[in-house]
Amino acid sequence: MIRLINVHKLYHQGRNEITALAGVSLDIARGDFAVIMGPSGSGKSTLLHLIGGLDRPTEGELLVDGKIISQMADDAVTLFRRARIGVVFQFFNLLPTLTALENVMLPLILDGRAGPKSRLRAEALLQRVGLESRRDHLPEELSGGEMQRLAIARALAFAPPILLADEPTGNLDSRSGEEVLKLLLQISREEGCTVVMVTHNREAAGYGDRVIRLRDGFIEEAGSP
């Protein structure tokens, strides 16, 4: 499902060269719930962004769902990510002027799928994440946990086989965070979705099938939680 072969990522700041990833090789199987951990600057967010096609490796090969996305044109990567990869961010990234239902419908509408079918799909997803009664509420009227569950519903609009979550409980209290983690686990188990989650939280890491620990751009350990 996801394979990295000797992947490097370098950044330049003025004359300085910064190594974010220094030869990472990794396989994540279909349906796995993989957790990426590591101290700040270890490369975990960079790794997630590369898997999601939000950035490109400087060197090495990256395959996602059988496609070598490290060699695809930008437009092709965008289309691939829209159809095959859902992304959930720490800060929700919801549109404040749209209702919960409209936020979930938005990616479908932007893909030219406006109409009754997109509404039905969005309503089904709101029910999936337990927000059917909040469909007409704006994000500011929702709790933090509800906003994150709404963001997950939106990320699932195209039923992607891969869901990436970048610190999804970072802004939540422990109870709301637990609800979000249980939802991610259900999605992985019940729908066969591959979940890759970045977190600093050891308790959150316990929900994964395996933990990939990074340090200084290298994989330090990749095993069970």
C-alpha atoms as a PDB file:
ATOM      1  CA  MET A   1       0.000   0.000   0.000  1.00  0.00           C
ATOM      2  CA  ILE A   2       2.730   2.504   1.029  1.00  0.00           C
ATOM      3  CA  ARG A   3       6.423   1.910   0.334  1.00  0.00           C
ATOM      4  CA  LEU A   4       9.392   4.213   0.827  1.00  0.00           C
ATOM      5  CA  ILE A   5      12.772   3.132  -0.504  1.00  0.00           C
ATOM      6  CA  ASN A   6      15.807   5.084   0.737  1.00  0.00           C
ATOM      7  CA  VAL A   7      13.856   8.343   0.822  1.00  0.00           C
ATOM      8  CA  HIS A   8      15.752  11.557   1.566  1.00  0.00           C
ATOM      9  CA  LYS A   9      14.345  15.041   1.995  1.00  0.00           C
ATOM     10  CA  LEU A  10      16.558  18.116   2.129  1.00  0.00           C
ATOM     11  CA  TYR A  11      15.543  21.722   2.632  1.00  0.00           C
ATOM     12  CA  HIS A  12      17.576  24.861   2.032  1.00  0.00           C
ATOM     13  CA  GLN A  13      17.464  27.918   4.257  1.00  0.00           C
ATOM     14  CA  GLY A  14      19.776  30.455   2.720  1.00  0.00           C
ATOM     15  CA  ARG A  15      23.140  28.714   2.500  1.00  0.00           C
ATOM     16  CA  ASN A  16      22.192  26.088   5.048  1.00  0.00           C
ATOM     17  CA  GLU A  17      21.072  22.602   4.052  1.00  0.00           C
ATOM     18  CA  ILE A  18      18.673  20.906   6.464  1.00  0.00           C
ATOM     19  CA  THR A  19      18.149  17.149   6.367  1.00  0.00           C
ATOM     20  CA  ALA A  20      14.566  16.257   7.279  1.00  0.00           C
ATOM     21  CA  LEU A  21      14.770  12.599   6.205  1.00  0.00           C
ATOM     22  CA  ALA A  22      18.034  10.739   5.735  1.00  0.00           C
ATOM     23  CA  GLY A  23      17.361   7.498   3.884  1.00  0.00           C
ATOM     24  CA  VAL A  24      14.042   6.161   5.167  1.00  0.00           C
ATOM     25  CA  SER A  25      12.829   2.762   3.937  1.00  0.00           C
ATOM     26  CA  LEU A  26       9.417   1.660   5.132  1.00  0.00           C
ATOM     27  CA  ASP A  27       6.416  -0.505   4.198  1.00  0.00           C
ATOM     28  CA  ILE A  28       2.884   0.085   5.489  1.00  0.00           C
ATOM     29  CA  ALA A  29       0.380  -2.611   4.527  1.00  0.00           C
ATOM     30  CA  ARG A  30      -3.197  -2.084   3.413  1.00  0.00           C
ATOM     31  CA  GLY A  31      -5.517  -1.688   6.392  1.00  0.00           C
ATOM     32  CA  ASP A  32      -2.732  -0.955   8.891  1.00  0.00           C
ATOM     33  CA  PHE A  33      -3.083   1.722  11.553  1.00  0.00           C
ATOM     34  CA  ALA A  34       0.477   3.062  11.652  1.00  0.00           C
ATOM     35  CA  VAL A  35       1.604   5.694  14.144  1.00  0.00           C
ATOM     36  CA  ILE A  36       4.599   7.970  13.546  1.00  0.00           C
ATOM     37  CA  MET A  37       6.295   9.389  16.638  1.00  0.00           C
ATOM     38  CA  GLY A  38       9.441  11.329  17.377  1.00  0.00           C
ATOM     39  CA  PRO A  39      10.723  14.559  18.911  1.00  0.00           C
ATOM     40  CA  SER A  40      10.301  17.910  17.164  1.00  0.00           C
ATOM     41  CA  GLY A  41      12.503  18.053  14.095  1.00  0.00           C
ATOM     42  CA  SER A  42      12.680  14.268  13.753  1.00  0.00           C
ATOM     43  CA  GLY A  43      11.033  14.302  10.311  1.00  0.00           C
ATOM     44  CA  LYS A  44       7.635  12.832  11.171  1.00  0.00           C
ATOM     45  CA  SER A  45       5.514  15.593   9.593  1.00  0.00           C
ATOM     46  CA  THR A  46       7.794  15.608   6.555  1.00  0.00           C
ATOM     47  CA  LEU A  47       7.249  11.870   6.190  1.00  0.00           C
ATOM     48  CA  LEU A  48       3.475  12.306   6.369  1.00  0.00           C
ATOM     49  CA  HIS A  49       3.541  15.127   3.807  1.00  0.00           C
ATOM     50  CA  LEU A  50       5.582  13.017   1.399  1.00  0.00           C
ATOM     51  CA  ILE A  51       3.147  10.107   1.680  1.00  0.00           C
ATOM     52  CA  GLY A  52       0.278  12.508   1.011  1.00  0.00           C
ATOM     53  CA  GLY A  53       1.914  13.992  -2.061  1.00  0.00           C
ATOM     54  CA  LEU A  54       2.056  17.392  -0.367  1.00  0.00           C
ATOM     55  CA  ASP A  55       5.832  17.444  -0.862  1.00  0.00           C
ATOM     56  CA  ARG A  56       8.392  15.599  -2.988  1.00  0.00           C
ATOM     57  CA  PRO A  57      11.407  13.560  -1.859  1.00  0.00           C
ATOM     58  CA  THR A  58      14.832  14.891  -2.779  1.00  0.00           C
ATOM     59  CA  GLU A  59      16.023  11.340  -3.414  1.00  0.00           C
ATOM     60  CA  GLY A  60      14.574   7.827  -3.276  1.00  0.00           C
ATOM     61  CA  GLU A  61      11.360   6.170  -4.400  1.00  0.00           C
ATOM     62  CA  LEU A  62       7.892   6.567  -2.926  1.00  0.00           C
ATOM     63  CA  LEU A  63       4.973   4.337  -3.910  1.00  0.00           C
ATOM     64  CA  VAL A  64       1.432   4.879  -2.662  1.00  0.00           C
ATOM     65  CA  ASP A  65      -1.360   2.489  -3.626  1.00  0.00           C
ATOM     66  CA  GLY A  66       0.831   1.083  -6.391  1.00  0.00           C
ATOM     67  CA  LYS A  67       1.665   4.485  -7.912  1.00  0.00           C
ATOM     68  CA  ILE A  68       5.167   5.993  -7.892  1.00  0.00           C
ATOM     69  CA  ILE A  69       3.954   9.415  -6.830  1.00  0.00           C
ATOM     70  CA  SER A  70       7.505  10.724  -6.469  1.00  0.00           C
ATOM     71  CA  GLN A  71       7.701  10.642 -10.287  1.00  0.00           C
ATOM     72  CA  MET A  72       4.206  11.938 -11.108  1.00  0.00           C
ATOM     73  CA  ALA A  73       3.495  15.404 -12.490  1.00  0.00           C
ATOM     74  CA  ASP A  74       2.028  17.915 -10.034  1.00  0.00           C
ATOM     75  CA  ASP A  75      -1.451  17.850 -11.629  1.00  0.00           C
ATOM     76  CA  ALA A  76      -1.486  14.046 -11.575  1.00  0.00           C
ATOM     77  CA  VAL A  77      -0.473  13.995  -7.911  1.00  0.00           C
ATOM     78  CA  THR A  78      -3.275  16.430  -7.068  1.00  0.00           C
ATOM     79  CA  LEU A  79      -5.882  14.253  -8.765  1.00  0.00           C
ATOM     80  CA  PHE A  80      -4.455  11.110  -7.187  1.00  0.00           C
ATOM     81  CA  ARG A  81      -4.487  12.645  -3.705  1.00  0.00           C
ATOM     82  CA  ARG A  82      -8.068  13.874  -4.116  1.00  0.00           C
ATOM     83  CA  ALA A  83      -9.336  10.407  -4.993  1.00  0.00           C
ATOM     84  CA  ARG A  84      -7.068   8.143  -2.931  1.00  0.00           C
ATOM     85  CA  ILE A  85      -5.849  10.035   0.142  1.00  0.00           C
ATOM     86  CA  GLY A  86      -7.789  11.802   2.891  1.00  0.00           C
ATOM     87  CA  VAL A  87      -5.938  14.231   5.156  1.00  0.00           C
ATOM     88  CA  VAL A  88      -6.909  15.369   8.652  1.00  0.00           C
ATOM     89  CA  PHE A  89      -5.027  18.280  10.216  1.00  0.00           C
ATOM     90  CA  GLN A  90      -4.525  19.360  13.820  1.00  0.00           C
ATOM     91  CA  PHE A  91      -6.299  22.699  13.286  1.00  0.00           C
ATOM     92  CA  PHE A  92      -9.340  21.268  11.442  1.00  0.00           C
ATOM     93  CA  ASN A  93      -9.148  23.654   8.419  1.00  0.00           C
ATOM     94  CA  LEU A  94     -12.926  23.967   8.214  1.00  0.00           C
ATOM     95  CA  LEU A  95     -14.548  26.860   6.364  1.00  0.00           C
ATOM     96  CA  PRO A  96     -16.185  29.015   9.077  1.00  0.00           C
ATOM     97  CA  THR A  97     -19.032  30.332   6.895  1.00  0.00           C
ATOM     98  CA  LEU A  98     -20.230  26.877   5.834  1.00  0.00           C
ATOM     99  CA  THR A  99     -22.407  24.530   7.867  1.00  0.00           C
ATOM    100  CA  ALA A 100     -21.193  21.067   8.857  1.00  0.00           C
ATOM    101  CA  LEU A 101     -23.085  19.561   5.924  1.00  0.00           C
ATOM    102  CA  GLU A 102     -21.676  22.121   3.486  1.00  0.00           C
ATOM    103  CA  ASN A 103     -18.122  21.559   4.726  1.00  0.00           C
ATOM    104  CA  VAL A 104     -18.422  17.841   3.950  1.00  0.00           C
ATOM    105  CA  MET A 105     -20.092  18.500   0.594  1.00  0.00           C
ATOM    106  CA  LEU A 106     -17.439  21.020  -0.478  1.00  0.00           C
ATOM    107  CA  PRO A 107     -14.809  18.602  -1.899  1.00  0.00           C
ATOM    108  CA  LEU A 108     -17.541  16.773  -3.808  1.00  0.00           C
ATOM    109  CA  ILE A 109     -18.847  20.047  -5.253  1.00  0.00           C
ATOM    110  CA  LEU A 110     -15.327  21.156  -6.235  1.00  0.00           C
ATOM    111  CA  ASP A 111     -14.978  17.827  -8.043  1.00  0.00           C
ATOM    112  CA  GLY A 112     -18.102  18.583 -10.091  1.00  0.00           C
ATOM    113  CA  ARG A 113     -20.388  16.312  -8.095  1.00  0.00           C
ATOM    114  CA  ALA A 114     -22.914  18.856  -6.880  1.00  0.00           C
ATOM    115  CA  GLY A 115     -26.496  17.660  -6.472  1.00  0.00           C
ATOM    116  CA  PRO A 116     -28.603  15.206  -4.485  1.00  0.00           C
ATOM    117  CA  LYS A 117     -25.968  12.446  -4.551  1.00  0.00           C
ATOM    118  CA  SER A 118     -23.312  14.644  -2.956  1.00  0.00           C
ATOM    119  CA  ARG A 119     -25.792  15.732  -0.287  1.00  0.00           C
ATOM    120  CA  LEU A 120     -26.726  12.130   0.466  1.00  0.00           C
ATOM    121  CA  ARG A 121     -23.038  11.179   0.671  1.00  0.00           C
ATOM    122  CA  ALA A 122     -22.321  14.061   3.060  1.00  0.00           C
ATOM    123  CA  GLU A 123     -25.323  13.190   5.229  1.00  0.00           C
ATOM    124  CA  ALA A 124     -24.181   9.563   5.434  1.00  0.00           C
ATOM    125  CA  LEU A 125     -20.696  10.674   6.496  1.00  0.00           C
ATOM    126  CA  LEU A 126     -22.063  12.979   9.184  1.00  0.00           C
ATOM    127  CA  GLN A 127     -24.029  10.033  10.513  1.00  0.00           C
ATOM    128  CA  ARG A 128     -20.857   7.906  10.339  1.00  0.00           C
ATOM    129  CA  VAL A 129     -19.017  10.294  12.660  1.00  0.00           C
ATOM    130  CA  GLY A 130     -21.999  10.925  14.953  1.00  0.00           C
ATOM    131  CA  LEU A 131     -22.795  14.467  13.802  1.00  0.00           C
ATOM    132  CA  GLU A 132     -26.087  14.015  11.966  1.00  0.00           C
ATOM    133  CA  SER A 133     -27.855  16.269  14.494  1.00  0.00           C
ATOM    134  CA  ARG A 134     -25.265  19.036  13.926  1.00  0.00           C
ATOM    135  CA  ARG A 135     -25.541  19.175  10.136  1.00  0.00           C
ATOM    136  CA  ASP A 136     -26.822  22.774  10.044  1.00  0.00           C
ATOM    137  CA  HIS A 137     -24.371  24.170  12.610  1.00  0.00           C
ATOM    138  CA  LEU A 138     -21.382  26.345  11.760  1.00  0.00           C
ATOM    139  CA  PRO A 139     -17.928  25.237  12.968  1.00  0.00           C
ATOM    140  CA  GLU A 140     -17.902  27.911  15.683  1.00  0.00           C
ATOM    141  CA  GLU A 141     -21.000  26.269  17.160  1.00  0.00           C
ATOM    142  CA  LEU A 142     -19.233  22.910  17.520  1.00  0.00           C
ATOM    143  CA  SER A 143     -16.869  21.649  20.200  1.00  0.00           C
ATOM    144  CA  GLY A 144     -13.246  20.861  19.349  1.00  0.00           C
ATOM    145  CA  GLY A 145     -13.962  17.144  19.213  1.00  0.00           C
ATOM    146  CA  GLU A 146     -16.963  17.706  16.963  1.00  0.00           C
ATOM    147  CA  MET A 147     -14.902  19.883  14.621  1.00  0.00           C
ATOM    148  CA  GLN A 148     -12.265  17.166  14.330  1.00  0.00           C
ATOM    149  CA  ARG A 149     -14.897  14.514  13.640  1.00  0.00           C
ATOM    150  CA  LEU A 150     -16.329  16.839  11.008  1.00  0.00           C
ATOM    151  CA  ALA A 151     -12.869  17.179   9.456  1.00  0.00           C
ATOM    152  CA  ILE A 152     -12.621  13.375   9.349  1.00  0.00           C
ATOM    153  CA  ALA A 153     -16.007  13.148   7.617  1.00  0.00           C
ATOM    154  CA  ARG A 154     -14.810  15.640   5.000  1.00  0.00           C
ATOM    155  CA  ALA A 155     -11.578  13.685   4.495  1.00  0.00           C
ATOM    156  CA  LEU A 156     -13.658  10.570   3.769  1.00  0.00           C
ATOM    157  CA  ALA A 157     -15.761  12.264   1.063  1.00  0.00           C
ATOM    158  CA  PHE A 158     -14.269  10.153  -1.755  1.00  0.00           C
ATOM    159  CA  ALA A 159     -13.942   6.976   0.347  1.00  0.00           C
ATOM    160  CA  PRO A 160     -10.122   7.074   0.123  1.00  0.00           C
ATOM    161  CA  PRO A 161      -8.186   3.887   0.922  1.00  0.00           C
ATOM    162  CA  ILE A 162      -5.618   5.968   2.842  1.00  0.00           C
ATOM    163  CA  LEU A 163      -6.269   8.435   5.662  1.00  0.00           C
ATOM    164  CA  LEU A 164      -3.451  10.618   6.994  1.00  0.00           C
ATOM    165  CA  ALA A 165      -3.864  12.343  10.360  1.00  0.00           C
ATOM    166  CA  ASP A 166      -1.387  14.974  11.554  1.00  0.00           C
ATOM    167  CA  GLU A 167      -1.685  15.365  15.361  1.00  0.00           C
ATOM    168  CA  PRO A 168      -5.491  14.888  15.212  1.00  0.00           C
ATOM    169  CA  THR A 169      -5.863  15.095  19.014  1.00  0.00           C
ATOM    170  CA  GLY A 170      -3.340  17.895  19.568  1.00  0.00           C
ATOM    171  CA  ASN A 171      -6.005  20.544  20.270  1.00  0.00           C
ATOM    172  CA  LEU A 172      -8.481  18.332  22.109  1.00  0.00           C
ATOM    173  CA  ASP A 173      -9.138  17.415  25.720  1.00  0.00           C
ATOM    174  CA  SER A 174      -8.574  13.799  26.706  1.00  0.00           C
ATOM    175  CA  ARG A 175     -12.213  12.723  26.318  1.00  0.00           C
ATOM    176  CA  SER A 176     -12.658  14.314  22.892  1.00  0.00           C
ATOM    177  CA  GLY A 177      -9.282  12.963  21.820  1.00  0.00           C
ATOM    178  CA  GLU A 178     -10.301   9.451  22.818  1.00  0.00           C
ATOM    179  CA  GLU A 179     -13.498   9.739  20.756  1.00  0.00           C
ATOM    180  CA  VAL A 180     -11.490  10.795  17.697  1.00  0.00           C
ATOM    181  CA  LEU A 181      -8.982   7.973  18.148  1.00  0.00           C
ATOM    182  CA  LYS A 182     -11.739   5.385  18.507  1.00  0.00           C
ATOM    183  CA  LEU A 183     -13.314   6.734  15.318  1.00  0.00           C
ATOM    184  CA  LEU A 184     -10.025   6.440  13.412  1.00  0.00           C
ATOM    185  CA  LEU A 185      -9.617   2.887  14.681  1.00  0.00           C
ATOM    186  CA  GLN A 186     -13.163   2.000  13.588  1.00  0.00           C
ATOM    187  CA  ILE A 187     -12.527   3.411  10.129  1.00  0.00           C
ATOM    188  CA  SER A 188      -9.375   1.333   9.837  1.00  0.00           C
ATOM    189  CA  ARG A 189     -11.013  -1.876  11.083  1.00  0.00           C
ATOM    190  CA  GLU A 190     -14.460  -1.649   9.520  1.00  0.00           C
ATOM    191  CA  GLU A 191     -13.594  -0.077   6.177  1.00  0.00           C
ATOM    192  CA  GLY A 192     -10.092  -1.484   5.619  1.00  0.00           C
ATOM    193  CA  CYS A 193      -8.695   2.036   5.406  1.00  0.00           C
ATOM    194  CA  THR A 194      -4.950   2.470   5.911  1.00  0.00           C
ATOM    195  CA  VAL A 195      -4.473   5.090   8.644  1.00  0.00           C
ATOM    196  CA  VAL A 196      -1.138   6.852   9.165  1.00  0.00           C
ATOM    197  CA  MET A 197      -1.128   9.158  12.189  1.00  0.00           C
ATOM    198  CA  VAL A 198       1.512  11.514  13.545  1.00  0.00           C
ATOM    199  CA  THR A 199       1.308  12.100  17.293  1.00  0.00           C
ATOM    200  CA  HIS A 200       3.365  13.078  20.343  1.00  0.00           C
ATOM    201  CA  ASN A 201       0.905  11.336  22.636  1.00  0.00           C
ATOM    202  CA  ARG A 202       1.939   7.903  23.963  1.00  0.00           C
ATOM    203  CA  GLU A 203      -1.650   6.999  24.856  1.00  0.00           C
ATOM    204  CA  ALA A 204      -2.791   7.884  21.343  1.00  0.00           C
ATOM    205  CA  ALA A 205      -0.018   5.710  19.917  1.00  0.00           C
ATOM    206  CA  GLY A 206      -1.550   2.742  21.725  1.00  0.00           C
ATOM    207  CA  TYR A 207      -4.419   2.727  19.224  1.00  0.00           C
ATOM    208  CA  GLY A 208      -2.084   1.842  16.362  1.00  0.00           C
ATOM    209  CA  ASP A 209      -1.044  -1.561  15.073  1.00  0.00           C
ATOM    210  CA  ARG A 210       2.556  -0.408  14.984  1.00  0.00           C
ATOM    211  CA  VAL A 211       4.647   2.600  15.958  1.00  0.00           C
ATOM    212  CA  ILE A 212       7.350   4.072  13.719  1.00  0.00           C
ATOM    213  CA  ARG A 213       9.774   6.155  15.793  1.00  0.00           C
ATOM    214  CA  LEU A 214      11.905   8.737  14.019  1.00  0.00           C
ATOM    215  CA  ARG A 215      14.946  10.608  15.256  1.00  0.00           C
ATOM    216  CA  ASP A 216      17.109  13.015  13.251  1.00  0.00           C
ATOM    217  CA  GLY A 217      15.576  11.867   9.971  1.00  0.00           C
ATOM    218  CA  PHE A 218      16.145   8.154  10.558  1.00  0.00           C
ATOM    219  CA  ILE A 219      13.813   5.360  11.627  1.00  0.00           C
ATOM    220  CA  GLU A 220      14.903   4.518  15.140  1.00  0.00           C
ATOM    221  CA  GLU A 221      12.344   1.771  15.666  1.00  0.00           C
ATOM    222  CA  ALA A 222       9.312   0.310  13.855  1.00  0.00           C
ATOM    223  CA  GLY A 223       7.330  -2.175  15.896  1.00  0.00           C
ATOM    224  CA  SER A 224       4.233  -2.735  18.012  1.00  0.00           C
ATOM    225  CA  PRO A 225       2.971   0.063  20.333  1.00  0.00           C
END
